[in-house]
Amino acid sequence: MAKKNTILLKLESTADTGFFYVKKRNPRKYPNKLSFKKYDPIARKHVEFKETKLK
């Protein structure tokens, strides 16, 4: 059976609020770690979210 093309990962806020998003990523297409500017509802502003391991 073939391996899955996508993996689940956690995008964690750099504002240290503990808020995170869960996203899928294809490691063949995007081999580097992801980072996005997204909305953090706890901090109530847009901050950078960096990829961490989903446990």
N, C-alpha and C. Protein backbone atom coordinates (compact mmCIF):
# COMPACT_ATOMS: atom_id res chain seq x y z
N MET A 1 0.83 -1.17 0.00
CA MET A 1 0.00 0.00 0.00
C MET A 1 0.89 1.25 0.00
N ALA A 2 0.48 2.25 -0.73
CA ALA A 2 1.28 3.47 -0.88
C ALA A 2 1.17 4.36 0.35
N LYS A 3 2.21 5.19 0.55
CA LYS A 3 2.20 6.15 1.64
C LYS A 3 1.31 7.34 1.27
N LYS A 4 0.80 8.03 2.27
CA LYS A 4 0.02 9.23 2.03
C LYS A 4 0.91 10.34 1.50
N ASN A 5 0.35 11.19 0.64
CA ASN A 5 1.12 12.31 0.11
C ASN A 5 1.13 13.49 1.07
N THR A 6 0.16 13.58 1.96
CA THR A 6 0.08 14.73 2.85
C THR A 6 0.30 14.33 4.30
N ILE A 7 0.83 15.26 5.07
CA ILE A 7 1.00 15.06 6.50
C ILE A 7 0.28 16.20 7.21
N LEU A 8 -0.20 15.93 8.42
CA LEU A 8 -0.82 16.97 9.24
C LEU A 8 0.27 17.66 10.05
N LEU A 9 0.15 18.97 10.18
CA LEU A 9 1.10 19.71 10.99
C LEU A 9 0.37 20.79 11.77
N LYS A 10 1.06 21.33 12.75
CA LYS A 10 0.48 22.35 13.62
C LYS A 10 1.19 23.67 13.36
N LEU A 11 0.40 24.71 13.08
CA LEU A 11 0.93 26.06 12.93
C LEU A 11 0.68 26.78 14.24
N GLU A 12 1.76 27.04 15.00
CA GLU A 12 1.63 27.62 16.33
C GLU A 12 1.97 29.10 16.31
N SER A 13 1.22 29.88 17.08
CA SER A 13 1.38 31.33 17.13
C SER A 13 2.71 31.71 17.76
N THR A 14 3.35 32.74 17.20
CA THR A 14 4.60 33.25 17.78
C THR A 14 4.31 34.28 18.86
N ALA A 15 3.03 34.59 19.11
CA ALA A 15 2.66 35.53 20.17
C ALA A 15 2.57 34.84 21.53
N ASP A 16 2.91 33.56 21.60
CA ASP A 16 2.90 32.77 22.85
C ASP A 16 1.54 32.76 23.54
N THR A 17 0.47 32.65 22.76
CA THR A 17 -0.86 32.55 23.33
C THR A 17 -1.31 31.10 23.43
N GLY A 18 -0.62 30.20 22.75
CA GLY A 18 -1.01 28.80 22.76
C GLY A 18 -2.00 28.45 21.67
N PHE A 19 -2.42 29.42 20.88
CA PHE A 19 -3.37 29.18 19.80
C PHE A 19 -2.64 28.57 18.61
N PHE A 20 -3.31 27.63 17.91
CA PHE A 20 -2.69 27.00 16.75
C PHE A 20 -3.74 26.63 15.72
N TYR A 21 -3.29 26.48 14.49
CA TYR A 21 -4.09 25.96 13.39
C TYR A 21 -3.52 24.61 12.99
N VAL A 22 -4.36 23.73 12.44
CA VAL A 22 -3.92 22.44 11.91
C VAL A 22 -4.05 22.52 10.40
N LYS A 23 -3.00 22.10 9.69
CA LYS A 23 -2.96 22.22 8.24
C LYS A 23 -2.32 20.98 7.64
N LYS A 24 -2.66 20.69 6.39
CA LYS A 24 -2.04 19.59 5.66
C LYS A 24 -0.92 20.14 4.78
N ARG A 25 0.13 19.33 4.59
CA ARG A 25 1.24 19.75 3.74
C ARG A 25 1.76 18.52 2.99
N ASN A 26 2.07 18.74 1.71
CA ASN A 26 2.70 17.70 0.91
C ASN A 26 4.21 17.89 1.02
N PRO A 27 4.92 16.96 1.69
CA PRO A 27 6.35 17.15 1.89
C PRO A 27 7.18 17.05 0.61
N ARG A 28 6.64 16.46 -0.43
CA ARG A 28 7.38 16.41 -1.70
C ARG A 28 7.33 17.75 -2.41
N LYS A 29 6.17 18.42 -2.32
CA LYS A 29 6.01 19.70 -3.00
C LYS A 29 6.59 20.85 -2.18
N TYR A 30 6.44 20.81 -0.84
CA TYR A 30 6.95 21.84 0.07
C TYR A 30 7.87 21.20 1.11
N PRO A 31 9.15 21.00 0.78
CA PRO A 31 10.04 20.31 1.70
C PRO A 31 10.45 21.16 2.91
N ASN A 32 10.37 22.50 2.79
CA ASN A 32 10.77 23.37 3.90
C ASN A 32 9.61 23.60 4.85
N LYS A 33 9.93 24.09 6.05
CA LYS A 33 8.89 24.39 7.03
C LYS A 33 8.07 25.59 6.59
N LEU A 34 6.78 25.57 6.93
CA LEU A 34 5.87 26.63 6.54
C LEU A 34 5.77 27.69 7.63
N SER A 35 5.50 28.92 7.21
CA SER A 35 5.16 29.99 8.15
C SER A 35 4.21 30.93 7.44
N PHE A 36 3.15 31.34 8.15
CA PHE A 36 2.12 32.19 7.59
C PHE A 36 1.82 33.32 8.56
N LYS A 37 1.31 34.42 8.03
CA LYS A 37 0.74 35.47 8.87
C LYS A 37 -0.76 35.23 8.89
N LYS A 38 -1.28 34.88 10.08
CA LYS A 38 -2.69 34.58 10.22
C LYS A 38 -3.22 35.27 11.48
N TYR A 39 -4.54 35.23 11.64
CA TYR A 39 -5.18 35.91 12.76
C TYR A 39 -5.13 35.05 14.02
N ASP A 40 -4.71 35.66 15.12
CA ASP A 40 -4.71 35.01 16.43
C ASP A 40 -5.85 35.64 17.25
N PRO A 41 -6.94 34.91 17.50
CA PRO A 41 -8.08 35.50 18.21
C PRO A 41 -7.79 35.82 19.67
N ILE A 42 -6.82 35.17 20.28
CA ILE A 42 -6.49 35.46 21.67
C ILE A 42 -5.73 36.78 21.77
N ALA A 43 -4.76 36.98 20.86
CA ALA A 43 -4.01 38.23 20.82
C ALA A 43 -4.80 39.33 20.09
N ARG A 44 -5.83 38.93 19.34
CA ARG A 44 -6.70 39.82 18.57
C ARG A 44 -5.92 40.66 17.55
N LYS A 45 -4.97 39.98 16.85
CA LYS A 45 -4.25 40.63 15.76
C LYS A 45 -3.61 39.56 14.89
N HIS A 46 -3.09 39.97 13.74
CA HIS A 46 -2.39 39.05 12.84
C HIS A 46 -0.96 38.91 13.31
N VAL A 47 -0.53 37.67 13.49
CA VAL A 47 0.85 37.37 13.89
C VAL A 47 1.36 36.24 13.01
N GLU A 48 2.64 35.98 13.09
CA GLU A 48 3.24 34.90 12.31
C GLU A 48 3.01 33.57 13.02
N PHE A 49 2.64 32.57 12.25
CA PHE A 49 2.46 31.21 12.74
C PHE A 49 3.53 30.34 12.10
N LYS A 50 4.25 29.57 12.92
CA LYS A 50 5.32 28.72 12.41
C LYS A 50 4.95 27.25 12.61
N GLU A 51 5.48 26.43 11.75
CA GLU A 51 5.19 25.00 11.76
C GLU A 51 5.88 24.31 12.91
N THR A 52 5.12 23.50 13.64
CA THR A 52 5.66 22.63 14.67
C THR A 52 5.06 21.24 14.48
N LYS A 53 5.58 20.27 15.20
CA LYS A 53 5.12 18.91 15.05
C LYS A 53 3.78 18.71 15.76
N LEU A 54 2.86 18.03 15.10
CA LEU A 54 1.56 17.70 15.69
C LEU A 54 1.71 16.40 16.44
N LYS A 55 1.39 16.42 17.73
CA LYS A 55 1.57 15.21 18.55
C LYS A 55 0.30 14.43 18.65
